[in-house]
């Protein structure tokens, strides 16, 4: 389950894909398939959340991992590479790793 908590010892991948609106759903399908069939089964995986912009030009992947080493192991896994390449063929992307610093609630 996704934990947005500054005290949680996790890393967060936020990857913003810029996509032609005609390919937004195709990109979502690739990301969901990759996550369901390969990525979520990797050691260190916590959660993934796929968001779509209302204008169709962006897809955001908000994923959490126990640590950087497990995330990097997933990237290096030959079983994951075809899915990552399929996403890259549909959109440009800008991934970065984060830690939760602060949360605010009503």
PDB file of N, CA and C in Angstrom:
ATOM      1  N   UNK A   1       0.840  -1.174   0.000  1.00  0.00           N
ATOM      2  CA  UNK A   1       0.000   0.000   0.000  1.00  0.00           C
ATOM      3  C   UNK A   1       0.894   1.248   0.000  1.00  0.00           C
ATOM      4  N   UNK A   2       0.502   2.229  -0.739  1.00  0.00           N
ATOM      5  CA  UNK A   2       1.252   3.481  -0.820  1.00  0.00           C
ATOM      6  C   UNK A   2       1.249   4.170   0.541  1.00  0.00           C
ATOM      7  N   UNK A   3       2.428   4.603   0.956  1.00  0.00           N
ATOM      8  CA  UNK A   3       2.583   5.314   2.223  1.00  0.00           C
ATOM      9  C   UNK A   3       3.206   6.673   1.945  1.00  0.00           C
ATOM     10  N   UNK A   4       2.433   7.704   2.074  1.00  0.00           N
ATOM     11  CA  UNK A   4       2.978   9.051   1.911  1.00  0.00           C
ATOM     12  C   UNK A   4       3.174   9.594   3.321  1.00  0.00           C
ATOM     13  N   UNK A   5       4.358   9.279   3.852  1.00  0.00           N
ATOM     14  CA  UNK A   5       4.650   9.529   5.258  1.00  0.00           C
ATOM     15  C   UNK A   5       6.134   9.863   5.388  1.00  0.00           C
ATOM     16  N   UNK A   6       6.454  11.039   5.897  1.00  0.00           N
ATOM     17  CA  UNK A   6       7.861  11.413   6.012  1.00  0.00           C
ATOM     18  C   UNK A   6       8.670  10.515   6.952  1.00  0.00           C
ATOM     19  N   UNK A   7       8.007   9.737   7.809  1.00  0.00           N
ATOM     20  CA  UNK A   7       8.741   8.844   8.695  1.00  0.00           C
ATOM     21  C   UNK A   7       8.959   7.458   8.088  1.00  0.00           C
ATOM     22  N   UNK A   8       8.341   7.174   6.953  1.00  0.00           N
ATOM     23  CA  UNK A   8       8.517   5.880   6.287  1.00  0.00           C
ATOM     24  C   UNK A   8       9.889   5.854   5.616  1.00  0.00           C
ATOM     25  N   UNK A   9      10.598   4.786   5.789  1.00  0.00           N
ATOM     26  CA  UNK A   9      11.939   4.647   5.216  1.00  0.00           C
ATOM     27  C   UNK A   9      11.822   4.032   3.819  1.00  0.00           C
ATOM     28  N   UNK A  10      11.329   4.829   2.874  1.00  0.00           N
ATOM     29  CA  UNK A  10      11.094   4.382   1.500  1.00  0.00           C
ATOM     30  C   UNK A  10      11.665   5.395   0.525  1.00  0.00           C
ATOM     31  N   UNK A  11      11.828   4.958  -0.716  1.00  0.00           N
ATOM     32  CA  UNK A  11      12.127   5.914  -1.780  1.00  0.00           C
ATOM     33  C   UNK A  11      10.941   5.937  -2.732  1.00  0.00           C
ATOM     34  N   UNK A  12      10.747   7.071  -3.360  1.00  0.00           N
ATOM     35  CA  UNK A  12       9.637   7.250  -4.272  1.00  0.00           C
ATOM     36  C   UNK A  12      10.162   7.641  -5.641  1.00  0.00           C
ATOM     37  N   UNK A  13       9.722   6.897  -6.649  1.00  0.00           N
ATOM     38  CA  UNK A  13       9.990   7.262  -8.032  1.00  0.00           C
ATOM     39  C   UNK A  13       8.825   8.107  -8.508  1.00  0.00           C
ATOM     40  N   UNK A  14       9.111   9.274  -9.018  1.00  0.00           N
ATOM     41  CA  UNK A  14       8.101  10.063  -9.713  1.00  0.00           C
ATOM     42  C   UNK A  14       8.624  10.233 -11.128  1.00  0.00           C
ATOM     43  N   UNK A  15       7.921   9.616 -12.062  1.00  0.00           N
ATOM     44  CA  UNK A  15       8.320   9.633 -13.460  1.00  0.00           C
ATOM     45  C   UNK A  15       7.202  10.287 -14.257  1.00  0.00           C
ATOM     46  N   UNK A  16       7.495  11.420 -14.859  1.00  0.00           N
ATOM     47  CA  UNK A  16       6.515  12.140 -15.669  1.00  0.00           C
ATOM     48  C   UNK A  16       6.799  11.847 -17.133  1.00  0.00           C
ATOM     49  N   UNK A  17       5.823  11.232 -17.786  1.00  0.00           N
ATOM     50  CA  UNK A  17       5.902  10.938 -19.212  1.00  0.00           C
ATOM     51  C   UNK A  17       5.130  12.021 -19.969  1.00  0.00           C
ATOM     52  N   UNK A  18       5.719  12.524 -21.035  1.00  0.00           N
ATOM     53  CA  UNK A  18       5.029  13.446 -21.923  1.00  0.00           C
ATOM     54  C   UNK A  18       4.677  12.662 -23.172  1.00  0.00           C
ATOM     55  N   UNK A  19       3.399  12.662 -23.509  1.00  0.00           N
ATOM     56  CA  UNK A  19       2.888  11.766 -24.544  1.00  0.00           C
ATOM     57  C   UNK A  19       1.900  12.502 -25.441  1.00  0.00           C
ATOM     58  N   UNK A  20       1.835  12.083 -26.692  1.00  0.00           N
ATOM     59  CA  UNK A  20       0.788  12.571 -27.586  1.00  0.00           C
ATOM     60  C   UNK A  20      -0.541  12.082 -27.021  1.00  0.00           C
ATOM     61  N   UNK A  21      -1.546  12.942 -26.907  1.00  0.00           N
ATOM     62  CA  UNK A  21      -2.824  12.503 -26.336  1.00  0.00           C
ATOM     63  C   UNK A  21      -3.407  11.253 -27.017  1.00  0.00           C
ATOM     64  N   UNK A  22      -3.113  11.060 -28.283  1.00  0.00           N
ATOM     65  CA  UNK A  22      -3.615   9.876 -28.987  1.00  0.00           C
ATOM     66  C   UNK A  22      -2.993   8.583 -28.449  1.00  0.00           C
ATOM     67  N   UNK A  23      -1.873   8.700 -27.734  1.00  0.00           N
ATOM     68  CA  UNK A  23      -1.173   7.518 -27.212  1.00  0.00           C
ATOM     69  C   UNK A  23      -1.206   7.414 -25.686  1.00  0.00           C
ATOM     70  N   UNK A  24      -1.930   8.326 -25.025  1.00  0.00           N
ATOM     71  CA  UNK A  24      -1.941   8.306 -23.564  1.00  0.00           C
ATOM     72  C   UNK A  24      -2.436   6.963 -23.024  1.00  0.00           C
ATOM     73  N   UNK A  25      -3.561   6.460 -23.518  1.00  0.00           N
ATOM     74  CA  UNK A  25      -4.103   5.206 -22.998  1.00  0.00           C
ATOM     75  C   UNK A  25      -3.188   4.032 -23.321  1.00  0.00           C
ATOM     76  N   UNK A  26      -2.574   4.043 -24.477  1.00  0.00           N
ATOM     77  CA  UNK A  26      -1.630   2.977 -24.829  1.00  0.00           C
ATOM     78  C   UNK A  26      -0.456   2.955 -23.853  1.00  0.00           C
ATOM     79  N   UNK A  27       0.061   4.127 -23.504  1.00  0.00           N
ATOM     80  CA  UNK A  27       1.143   4.215 -22.526  1.00  0.00           C
ATOM     81  C   UNK A  27       0.678   3.696 -21.167  1.00  0.00           C
ATOM     82  N   UNK A  28      -0.504   4.090 -20.741  1.00  0.00           N
ATOM     83  CA  UNK A  28      -1.049   3.589 -19.469  1.00  0.00           C
ATOM     84  C   UNK A  28      -1.128   2.070 -19.507  1.00  0.00           C
ATOM     85  N   UNK A  29      -1.612   1.520 -20.609  1.00  0.00           N
ATOM     86  CA  UNK A  29      -1.723   0.063 -20.728  1.00  0.00           C
ATOM     87  C   UNK A  29      -0.362  -0.618 -20.608  1.00  0.00           C
ATOM     88  N   UNK A  30       0.673  -0.037 -21.216  1.00  0.00           N
ATOM     89  CA  UNK A  30       2.027  -0.591 -21.126  1.00  0.00           C
ATOM     90  C   UNK A  30       2.515  -0.547 -19.686  1.00  0.00           C
ATOM     91  N   UNK A  31       2.329   0.573 -19.016  1.00  0.00           N
ATOM     92  CA  UNK A  31       2.794   0.712 -17.637  1.00  0.00           C
ATOM     93  C   UNK A  31       2.048  -0.221 -16.687  1.00  0.00           C
ATOM     94  N   UNK A  32       0.742  -0.340 -16.864  1.00  0.00           N
ATOM     95  CA  UNK A  32      -0.048  -1.224 -16.016  1.00  0.00           C
ATOM     96  C   UNK A  32       0.357  -2.678 -16.247  1.00  0.00           C
ATOM     97  N   UNK A  33       0.520  -3.071 -17.490  1.00  0.00           N
ATOM     98  CA  UNK A  33       0.926  -4.443 -17.803  1.00  0.00           C
ATOM     99  C   UNK A  33       2.306  -4.755 -17.218  1.00  0.00           C
ATOM    100  N   UNK A  34       3.247  -3.854 -17.410  1.00  0.00           N
ATOM    101  CA  UNK A  34       4.599  -4.060 -16.869  1.00  0.00           C
ATOM    102  C   UNK A  34       4.556  -4.197 -15.357  1.00  0.00           C
ATOM    103  N   UNK A  35       3.770  -3.357 -14.714  1.00  0.00           N
ATOM    104  CA  UNK A  35       3.675  -3.397 -13.255  1.00  0.00           C
ATOM    105  C   UNK A  35       3.017  -4.691 -12.788  1.00  0.00           C
ATOM    106  N   UNK A  36       1.913  -5.052 -13.398  1.00  0.00           N
ATOM    107  CA  UNK A  36       1.185  -6.252 -12.986  1.00  0.00           C
ATOM    108  C   UNK A  36       1.964  -7.538 -13.229  1.00  0.00           C
ATOM    109  N   UNK A  37       2.625  -7.641 -14.371  1.00  0.00           N
ATOM    110  CA  UNK A  37       3.263  -8.901 -14.753  1.00  0.00           C
ATOM    111  C   UNK A  37       4.705  -9.052 -14.285  1.00  0.00           C
ATOM    112  N   UNK A  38       5.403  -7.952 -14.054  1.00  0.00           N
ATOM    113  CA  UNK A  38       6.823  -8.060 -13.725  1.00  0.00           C
ATOM    114  C   UNK A  38       7.238  -7.232 -12.512  1.00  0.00           C
ATOM    115  N   UNK A  39       6.980  -5.946 -12.558  1.00  0.00           N
ATOM    116  CA  UNK A  39       7.577  -5.035 -11.581  1.00  0.00           C
ATOM    117  C   UNK A  39       7.068  -5.285 -10.165  1.00  0.00           C
ATOM    118  N   UNK A  40       5.778  -5.489 -10.000  1.00  0.00           N
ATOM    119  CA  UNK A  40       5.243  -5.645  -8.639  1.00  0.00           C
ATOM    120  C   UNK A  40       5.721  -6.910  -7.942  1.00  0.00           C
ATOM    121  N   UNK A  41       6.286  -7.834  -8.709  1.00  0.00           N
ATOM    122  CA  UNK A  41       6.796  -9.076  -8.135  1.00  0.00           C
ATOM    123  C   UNK A  41       8.263  -8.977  -7.720  1.00  0.00           C
ATOM    124  N   UNK A  42       8.875  -7.863  -8.013  1.00  0.00           N
ATOM    125  CA  UNK A  42      10.291  -7.661  -7.678  1.00  0.00           C
ATOM    126  C   UNK A  42      10.449  -7.414  -6.186  1.00  0.00           C
ATOM    127  N   UNK A  43      11.532  -7.932  -5.628  1.00  0.00           N
ATOM    128  CA  UNK A  43      11.847  -7.660  -4.232  1.00  0.00           C
ATOM    129  C   UNK A  43      12.054  -6.156  -4.053  1.00  0.00           C
ATOM    130  N   UNK A  44      11.493  -5.630  -2.988  1.00  0.00           N
ATOM    131  CA  UNK A  44      11.641  -4.211  -2.684  1.00  0.00           C
ATOM    132  C   UNK A  44      10.511  -3.339  -3.203  1.00  0.00           C
ATOM    133  N   UNK A  45       9.655  -3.888  -4.072  1.00  0.00           N
ATOM    134  CA  UNK A  45       8.530  -3.115  -4.600  1.00  0.00           C
ATOM    135  C   UNK A  45       7.483  -2.937  -3.509  1.00  0.00           C
ATOM    136  N   UNK A  46       6.970  -1.710  -3.382  1.00  0.00           N
ATOM    137  CA  UNK A  46       5.909  -1.410  -2.420  1.00  0.00           C
ATOM    138  C   UNK A  46       4.595  -1.127  -3.149  1.00  0.00           C
ATOM    139  N   UNK A  47       4.601  -0.164  -4.066  1.00  0.00           N
ATOM    140  CA  UNK A  47       3.360   0.228  -4.728  1.00  0.00           C
ATOM    141  C   UNK A  47       3.662   1.025  -5.992  1.00  0.00           C
ATOM    142  N   UNK A  48       2.668   1.097  -6.855  1.00  0.00           N
ATOM    143  CA  UNK A  48       2.742   1.961  -8.039  1.00  0.00           C
ATOM    144  C   UNK A  48       1.371   2.575  -8.263  1.00  0.00           C
ATOM    145  N   UNK A  49       1.371   3.811  -8.656  1.00  0.00           N
ATOM    146  CA  UNK A  49       0.140   4.549  -8.931  1.00  0.00           C
ATOM    147  C   UNK A  49       0.336   5.285 -10.247  1.00  0.00           C
ATOM    148  N   UNK A  50      -0.558   5.050 -11.187  1.00  0.00           N
ATOM    149  CA  UNK A  50      -0.474   5.683 -12.499  1.00  0.00           C
ATOM    150  C   UNK A  50      -1.539   6.776 -12.556  1.00  0.00           C
ATOM    151  N   UNK A  51      -1.112   7.973 -12.925  1.00  0.00           N
ATOM    152  CA  UNK A  51      -2.012   9.124 -13.024  1.00  0.00           C
ATOM    153  C   UNK A  51      -1.989   9.627 -14.471  1.00  0.00           C
ATOM    154  N   UNK A  52      -3.132  10.091 -14.959  1.00  0.00           N
ATOM    155  CA  UNK A  52      -3.197  10.679 -16.295  1.00  0.00           C
ATOM    156  C   UNK A  52      -3.657  12.128 -16.188  1.00  0.00           C
ATOM    157  N   UNK A  53      -3.043  12.991 -16.991  1.00  0.00           N
ATOM    158  CA  UNK A  53      -3.466  14.388 -17.008  1.00  0.00           C
ATOM    159  C   UNK A  53      -4.776  14.503 -17.772  1.00  0.00           C
ATOM    160  N   UNK A  54      -5.573  15.450 -17.376  1.00  0.00           N
ATOM    161  CA  UNK A  54      -6.876  15.617 -18.018  1.00  0.00           C
ATOM    162  C   UNK A  54      -6.767  16.125 -19.450  1.00  0.00           C
ATOM    163  N   UNK A  55      -5.624  16.721 -19.810  1.00  0.00           N
ATOM    164  CA  UNK A  55      -5.456  17.192 -21.191  1.00  0.00           C
ATOM    165  C   UNK A  55      -4.856  16.122 -22.100  1.00  0.00           C
ATOM    166  N   UNK A  56      -4.527  14.956 -21.532  1.00  0.00           N
ATOM    167  CA  UNK A  56      -4.031  13.837 -22.327  1.00  0.00           C
ATOM    168  C   UNK A  56      -2.551  13.845 -22.626  1.00  0.00           C
ATOM    169  N   UNK A  57      -1.820  14.855 -22.182  1.00  0.00           N
ATOM    170  CA  UNK A  57      -0.412  14.997 -22.582  1.00  0.00           C
ATOM    171  C   UNK A  57       0.592  14.430 -21.583  1.00  0.00           C
ATOM    172  N   UNK A  58       0.135  13.981 -20.416  1.00  0.00           N
ATOM    173  CA  UNK A  58       1.066  13.487 -19.405  1.00  0.00           C
ATOM    174  C   UNK A  58       0.521  12.201 -18.771  1.00  0.00           C
ATOM    175  N   UNK A  59       1.460  11.360 -18.396  1.00  0.00           N
ATOM    176  CA  UNK A  59       1.178  10.213 -17.545  1.00  0.00           C
ATOM    177  C   UNK A  59       2.231  10.255 -16.444  1.00  0.00           C
ATOM    178  N   UNK A  60       1.799  10.109 -15.215  1.00  0.00           N
ATOM    179  CA  UNK A  60       2.714  10.156 -14.087  1.00  0.00           C
ATOM    180  C   UNK A  60       2.705   8.804 -13.392  1.00  0.00           C
ATOM    181  N   UNK A  61       3.894   8.276 -13.143  1.00  0.00           N
ATOM    182  CA  UNK A  61       4.050   7.046 -12.381  1.00  0.00           C
ATOM    183  C   UNK A  61       4.635   7.422 -11.028  1.00  0.00           C
ATOM    184  N   UNK A  62       3.883   7.164  -9.963  1.00  0.00           N
ATOM    185  CA  UNK A  62       4.315   7.408  -8.591  1.00  0.00           C
ATOM    186  C   UNK A  62       4.494   6.033  -7.965  1.00  0.00           C
ATOM    187  N   UNK A  63       5.744   5.600  -7.824  1.00  0.00           N
ATOM    188  CA  UNK A  63       6.015   4.247  -7.337  1.00  0.00           C
ATOM    189  C   UNK A  63       6.925   4.299  -6.119  1.00  0.00           C
ATOM    190  N   UNK A  64       6.695   3.380  -5.197  1.00  0.00           N
ATOM    191  CA  UNK A  64       7.509   3.333  -3.989  1.00  0.00           C
ATOM    192  C   UNK A  64       8.266   2.018  -3.896  1.00  0.00           C
ATOM    193  N   UNK A  65       9.507   2.131  -3.403  1.00  0.00           N
ATOM    194  CA  UNK A  65      10.416   1.004  -3.242  1.00  0.00           C
ATOM    195  C   UNK A  65      11.042   1.069  -1.863  1.00  0.00           C
ATOM    196  N   UNK A  66      11.491  -0.073  -1.381  1.00  0.00           N
ATOM    197  CA  UNK A  66      12.132  -0.092  -0.064  1.00  0.00           C
ATOM    198  C   UNK A  66      13.455   0.654  -0.075  1.00  0.00           C
ATOM    199  N   UNK A  67      14.159   0.614  -1.217  1.00  0.00           N
ATOM    200  CA  UNK A  67      15.451   1.294  -1.293  1.00  0.00           C
ATOM    201  C   UNK A  67      15.896   1.425  -2.750  1.00  0.00           C
ATOM    202  N   UNK A  68      16.924   2.209  -2.955  1.00  0.00           N
ATOM    203  CA  UNK A  68      17.450   2.481  -4.296  1.00  0.00           C
ATOM    204  C   UNK A  68      17.987   1.203  -4.942  1.00  0.00           C
ATOM    205  N   UNK A  69      18.659   0.356  -4.175  1.00  0.00           N
ATOM    206  CA  UNK A  69      19.259  -0.864  -4.736  1.00  0.00           C
ATOM    207  C   UNK A  69      18.204  -1.769  -5.369  1.00  0.00           C
ATOM    208  N   UNK A  70      17.060  -1.937  -4.726  1.00  0.00           N
ATOM    209  CA  UNK A  70      16.006  -2.772  -5.302  1.00  0.00           C
ATOM    210  C   UNK A  70      15.403  -2.126  -6.555  1.00  0.00           C
ATOM    211  N   UNK A  71      15.246  -0.825  -6.535  1.00  0.00           N
ATOM    212  CA  UNK A  71      14.750  -0.124  -7.721  1.00  0.00           C
ATOM    213  C   UNK A  71      15.722  -0.305  -8.885  1.00  0.00           C
ATOM    214  N   UNK A  72      17.006  -0.117  -8.634  1.00  0.00           N
ATOM    215  CA  UNK A  72      18.007  -0.255  -9.695  1.00  0.00           C
ATOM    216  C   UNK A  72      18.096  -1.700 -10.187  1.00  0.00           C
ATOM    217  N   UNK A  73      17.891  -2.670  -9.312  1.00  0.00           N
ATOM    218  CA  UNK A  73      17.881  -4.076  -9.735  1.00  0.00           C
ATOM    219  C   UNK A  73      16.724  -4.342 -10.700  1.00  0.00           C
ATOM    220  N   UNK A  74      15.576  -3.721 -10.455  1.00  0.00           N
ATOM    221  CA  UNK A  74      14.446  -3.859 -11.373  1.00  0.00           C
ATOM    222  C   UNK A  74      14.806  -3.290 -12.735  1.00  0.00           C
ATOM    223  N   UNK A  75      15.438  -2.121 -12.766  1.00  0.00           N
ATOM    224  CA  UNK A  75      15.814  -1.511 -14.044  1.00  0.00           C
ATOM    225  C   UNK A  75      16.773  -2.398 -14.829  1.00  0.00           C
ATOM    226  N   UNK A  76      17.627  -3.121 -14.134  1.00  0.00           N
ATOM    227  CA  UNK A  76      18.621  -3.975 -14.776  1.00  0.00           C
ATOM    228  C   UNK A  76      18.074  -5.351 -15.165  1.00  0.00           C
ATOM    229  N   UNK A  77      16.896  -5.699 -14.689  1.00  0.00           N
ATOM    230  CA  UNK A  77      16.321  -7.021 -14.936  1.00  0.00           C
ATOM    231  C   UNK A  77      15.919  -7.158 -16.410  1.00  0.00           C
ATOM    232  N   UNK A  78      16.476  -8.133 -17.132  1.00  0.00           N
ATOM    233  CA  UNK A  78      16.123  -8.322 -18.546  1.00  0.00           C
ATOM    234  C   UNK A  78      14.625  -8.543 -18.778  1.00  0.00           C
ATOM    235  N   UNK A  79      13.910  -9.085 -17.816  1.00  0.00           N
ATOM    236  CA  UNK A  79      12.470  -9.298 -17.979  1.00  0.00           C
ATOM    237  C   UNK A  79      11.697  -7.985 -17.980  1.00  0.00           C
ATOM    238  N   UNK A  80      12.227  -6.956 -17.359  1.00  0.00           N
ATOM    239  CA  UNK A  80      11.547  -5.661 -17.291  1.00  0.00           C
ATOM    240  C   UNK A  80      11.901  -4.754 -18.470  1.00  0.00           C
ATOM    241  N   UNK A  81      13.038  -4.957 -19.057  1.00  0.00           N
ATOM    242  CA  UNK A  81      13.522  -4.041 -20.096  1.00  0.00           C
ATOM    243  C   UNK A  81      12.593  -3.878 -21.300  1.00  0.00           C
ATOM    244  N   UNK A  82      11.990  -4.943 -21.842  1.00  0.00           N
ATOM    245  CA  UNK A  82      11.098  -4.729 -22.994  1.00  0.00           C
ATOM    246  C   UNK A  82       9.923  -3.806 -22.667  1.00  0.00           C
ATOM    247  N   UNK A  83       9.396  -3.909 -21.454  1.00  0.00           N
ATOM    248  CA  UNK A  83       8.271  -3.056 -21.060  1.00  0.00           C
ATOM    249  C   UNK A  83       8.720  -1.600 -20.910  1.00  0.00           C
ATOM    250  N   UNK A  84       9.893  -1.418 -20.333  1.00  0.00           N
ATOM    251  CA  UNK A  84      10.420  -0.061 -20.183  1.00  0.00           C
ATOM    252  C   UNK A  84      10.706   0.552 -21.550  1.00  0.00           C
ATOM    253  N   UNK A  85      11.214  -0.257 -22.470  1.00  0.00           N
ATOM    254  CA  UNK A  85      11.484   0.227 -23.829  1.00  0.00           C
ATOM    255  C   UNK A  85      10.185   0.570 -24.552  1.00  0.00           C
ATOM    256  N   UNK A  86       9.134  -0.213 -24.328  1.00  0.00           N
ATOM    257  CA  UNK A  86       7.839   0.069 -24.967  1.00  0.00           C
ATOM    258  C   UNK A  86       7.282   1.401 -24.486  1.00  0.00           C
ATOM    259  N   UNK A  87       7.432   1.686 -23.199  1.00  0.00           N
ATOM    260  CA  UNK A  87       6.976   2.980 -22.673  1.00  0.00           C
ATOM    261  C   UNK A  87       7.801   4.114 -23.259  1.00  0.00           C
ATOM    262  N   UNK A  88       9.102   3.911 -23.357  1.00  0.00           N
ATOM    263  CA  UNK A  88       9.990   4.946 -23.899  1.00  0.00           C
ATOM    264  C   UNK A  88       9.701   5.211 -25.377  1.00  0.00           C
ATOM    265  N   UNK A  89       9.208   4.220 -26.091  1.00  0.00           N
ATOM    266  CA  UNK A  89       8.877   4.406 -27.505  1.00  0.00           C
ATOM    267  C   UNK A  89       7.625   5.255 -27.696  1.00  0.00           C
ATOM    268  N   UNK A  90       6.809   5.357 -26.665  1.00  0.00           N
ATOM    269  CA  UNK A  90       5.555   6.095 -26.763  1.00  0.00           C
ATOM    270  C   UNK A  90       5.640   7.526 -26.245  1.00  0.00           C
ATOM    271  N   UNK A  91       6.655   7.810 -25.422  1.00  0.00           N
ATOM    272  CA  UNK A  91       6.679   9.107 -24.746  1.00  0.00           C
ATOM    273  C   UNK A  91       8.092   9.455 -24.316  1.00  0.00           C
ATOM    274  N   UNK A  92       8.300  10.728 -24.056  1.00  0.00           N
ATOM    275  CA  UNK A  92       9.526  11.122 -23.372  1.00  0.00           C
ATOM    276  C   UNK A  92       9.247  10.982 -21.887  1.00  0.00           C
ATOM    277  N   UNK A  93      10.295  10.895 -21.089  1.00  0.00           N
ATOM    278  CA  UNK A  93      10.087  10.659 -19.664  1.00  0.00           C
ATOM    279  C   UNK A  93      11.142  11.389 -18.862  1.00  0.00           C
ATOM    280  N   UNK A  94      10.804  11.660 -17.604  1.00  0.00           N
ATOM    281  CA  UNK A  94      11.677  12.413 -16.702  1.00  0.00           C
ATOM    282  C   UNK A  94      11.576  11.805 -15.305  1.00  0.00           C
ATOM    283  N   UNK A  95      12.317  10.698 -15.050  1.00  0.00           N
ATOM    284  CA  UNK A  95      12.230  10.037 -13.745  1.00  0.00           C
ATOM    285  C   UNK A  95      13.207  10.614 -12.724  1.00  0.00           C
ATOM    286  N   UNK A  96      12.758  10.687 -11.478  1.00  0.00           N
ATOM    287  CA  UNK A  96      13.614  11.102 -10.369  1.00  0.00           C
ATOM    288  C   UNK A  96      13.185  10.338  -9.121  1.00  0.00           C
ATOM    289  N   UNK A  97      14.140  10.091  -8.228  1.00  0.00           N
ATOM    290  CA  UNK A  97      13.857   9.440  -6.955  1.00  0.00           C
ATOM    291  C   UNK A  97      13.729  10.498  -5.865  1.00  0.00           C
ATOM    292  N   UNK A  98      12.774  10.287  -4.972  1.00  0.00           N
ATOM    293  CA  UNK A  98      12.470  11.258  -3.917  1.00  0.00           C
ATOM    294  C   UNK A  98      12.289  10.559  -2.572  1.00  0.00           C
ATOM    295  N   UNK A  99      12.354  11.344  -1.523  1.00  0.00           N
ATOM    296  CA  UNK A  99      11.882  10.934  -0.204  1.00  0.00           C
ATOM    297  C   UNK A  99      10.784  11.908   0.194  1.00  0.00           C
ATOM    298  N   UNK A 100       9.821  11.429   0.953  1.00  0.00           N
ATOM    299  CA  UNK A 100       8.735  12.301   1.425  1.00  0.00           C
ATOM    300  C   UNK A 100       9.310  13.187   2.530  1.00  0.00           C
ATOM    301  N   UNK A 101       9.175  14.468   2.368  1.00  0.00           N
ATOM    302  CA  UNK A 101       9.708  15.431   3.327  1.00  0.00           C
ATOM    303  C   UNK A 101       8.639  15.978   4.264  1.00  0.00           C
ATOM    304  N   UNK A 102       7.452  16.188   3.716  1.00  0.00           N
ATOM    305  CA  UNK A 102       6.394  16.805   4.515  1.00  0.00           C
ATOM    306  C   UNK A 102       5.045  16.423   3.932  1.00  0.00           C
ATOM    307  N   UNK A 103       4.074  16.198   4.801  1.00  0.00           N
ATOM    308  CA  UNK A 103       2.698  15.965   4.359  1.00  0.00           C
ATOM    309  C   UNK A 103       1.777  16.876   5.158  1.00  0.00           C
ATOM    310  N   UNK A 104       0.647  17.221   4.575  1.00  0.00           N
ATOM    311  CA  UNK A 104      -0.319  18.103   5.215  1.00  0.00           C
ATOM    312  C   UNK A 104      -1.719  17.592   4.940  1.00  0.00           C
ATOM    313  N   UNK A 105      -2.564  17.613   5.949  1.00  0.00           N
ATOM    314  CA  UNK A 105      -3.912  17.086   5.819  1.00  0.00           C
ATOM    315  C   UNK A 105      -4.901  18.078   6.436  1.00  0.00           C
ATOM    316  N   UNK A 106      -6.084  17.997   5.977  1.00  0.00           N
ATOM    317  CA  UNK A 106      -7.133  18.831   6.524  1.00  0.00           C
ATOM    318  C   UNK A 106      -7.676  18.227   7.766  1.00  0.00           C
TER     319      UNK A 106
END
